[in-house]
Amino acid sequence: MLKRFIIVVKERKLMIIYLFGLLDILAGISLLLLKFNVDFYGLFFAIYLIIKGIVFIRYLASIADMVAGLMLLYAIYTGHFAIINYAAIIWLVQKGSFSFMKVF
């Protein structure tokens, strides 16, 4: 019974990690699409990144997520796509893709 409980808890943790990874990849794609004036739920992903950064504020990666969310907001509201946005795109996509790798 305890062994089954531990397995279920591990599977739920992995499910949340996969969900966060997928949302990070989609946020990076959304930021890239803003370069071509295509708004793919940009505001949703910006708010998501900022909230996730605030919740996990103790980690450097979360601070980088907050900065990426602020950059996404800046790109949405000003229409200006800076060169540094490419660094945020690469950060979000690589972080999201690494979350799909199982390392035990």
Protein backbone atom coordinates (compact mmCIF):
# COMPACT_ATOMS: atom_id res chain seq x y z
CA MET A 1 0.00 0.00 0.00
CA LEU A 2 2.78 2.46 0.91
CA LYS A 3 4.76 1.47 -2.17
CA ARG A 4 1.78 2.24 -4.42
CA PHE A 5 1.32 5.62 -2.71
CA ILE A 6 4.97 6.52 -3.34
CA ILE A 7 4.61 5.58 -7.02
CA VAL A 8 1.50 7.73 -7.40
CA VAL A 9 3.20 10.71 -5.74
CA LYS A 10 6.22 10.39 -8.04
CA GLU A 11 3.97 10.20 -11.10
CA ARG A 12 2.11 13.36 -10.05
CA LYS A 13 5.36 15.23 -9.52
CA LEU A 14 6.49 14.19 -12.99
CA MET A 15 3.15 15.26 -14.43
CA ILE A 16 3.56 18.76 -12.96
CA ILE A 17 7.14 18.94 -14.24
CA TYR A 18 5.98 17.92 -17.72
CA LEU A 19 3.17 20.49 -17.61
CA PHE A 20 5.55 23.29 -16.58
CA GLY A 21 7.97 22.18 -19.31
CA LEU A 22 5.28 22.23 -21.98
CA LEU A 23 4.09 25.66 -20.88
CA ASP A 24 7.68 26.96 -20.94
CA ILE A 25 8.15 25.71 -24.50
CA LEU A 26 4.87 27.29 -25.58
CA ALA A 27 5.86 30.56 -23.89
CA GLY A 28 9.13 30.56 -25.85
CA ILE A 29 7.26 29.89 -29.09
CA SER A 30 4.81 32.66 -28.22
CA LEU A 31 7.68 35.09 -27.71
CA LEU A 32 9.20 34.04 -31.03
CA LEU A 33 5.88 34.52 -32.83
CA LEU A 34 5.70 38.08 -31.51
CA LYS A 35 8.67 38.81 -33.77
CA PHE A 36 6.29 38.16 -36.68
CA ASN A 37 3.37 40.07 -35.09
CA VAL A 38 1.47 36.89 -34.21
CA ASP A 39 0.08 37.04 -30.67
CA PHE A 40 -0.30 33.43 -29.54
CA TYR A 41 -1.71 33.82 -26.00
CA GLY A 42 1.21 36.09 -25.16
CA LEU A 43 -0.46 37.77 -22.21
CA PHE A 44 -1.38 34.40 -20.67
CA PHE A 45 2.20 33.13 -20.93
CA ALA A 46 3.65 36.38 -19.60
CA ILE A 47 1.42 36.23 -16.53
CA TYR A 48 2.19 32.52 -16.14
CA LEU A 49 5.95 33.13 -16.17
CA ILE A 50 5.74 36.03 -13.73
CA ILE A 51 3.54 34.11 -11.29
CA LYS A 52 5.74 31.01 -11.52
CA GLY A 53 8.77 33.19 -10.89
CA ILE A 54 7.16 34.74 -7.82
CA VAL A 55 6.08 31.38 -6.40
CA PHE A 56 9.57 29.87 -6.72
CA ILE A 57 11.49 33.12 -6.09
CA ARG A 58 14.33 31.42 -4.19
CA TYR A 59 15.80 29.88 -7.34
CA LEU A 60 17.82 31.67 -9.99
CA ALA A 61 15.89 29.91 -12.77
CA SER A 62 12.65 31.39 -11.46
CA ILE A 63 14.10 34.88 -11.48
CA ALA A 64 15.08 34.29 -15.11
CA ASP A 65 11.48 33.16 -15.77
CA MET A 66 10.19 36.41 -14.27
CA VAL A 67 12.54 38.41 -16.46
CA ALA A 68 11.39 36.44 -19.52
CA GLY A 69 7.77 37.14 -18.56
CA LEU A 70 8.51 40.85 -18.25
CA MET A 71 10.26 40.78 -21.61
CA LEU A 72 7.21 39.10 -23.09
CA LEU A 73 4.97 41.81 -21.64
CA TYR A 74 7.28 44.48 -23.02
CA ALA A 75 7.19 42.91 -26.49
CA ILE A 76 3.39 42.65 -26.39
CA TYR A 77 2.67 46.20 -25.32
CA THR A 78 5.37 48.10 -27.20
CA GLY A 79 5.67 45.95 -30.31
CA HIS A 80 9.45 46.25 -30.00
CA PHE A 81 11.34 42.97 -30.28
CA ALA A 82 14.83 43.34 -28.84
CA ILE A 83 17.80 41.10 -29.59
CA ILE A 84 17.85 39.99 -25.93
CA ASN A 85 14.45 38.36 -26.49
CA TYR A 86 16.25 35.61 -28.40
CA ALA A 87 18.10 34.74 -25.19
CA ALA A 88 14.74 34.46 -23.41
CA ILE A 89 13.39 32.25 -26.20
CA ILE A 90 16.40 29.93 -26.01
CA TRP A 91 16.17 29.89 -22.19
CA LEU A 92 12.49 28.95 -22.15
CA VAL A 93 12.70 26.31 -24.87
CA GLN A 94 15.80 24.59 -23.49
CA LYS A 95 14.44 24.68 -19.94
CA GLY A 96 11.15 23.23 -21.11
CA SER A 97 12.80 20.52 -23.18
CA PHE A 98 15.12 19.55 -20.33
CA SER A 99 12.09 18.98 -18.11
CA PHE A 100 11.03 16.12 -20.41
CA MET A 101 14.26 14.24 -19.78
CA LYS A 102 14.06 11.69 -17.01
CA VAL A 103 17.22 11.74 -14.94
CA PHE A 104 17.21 9.52 -11.88
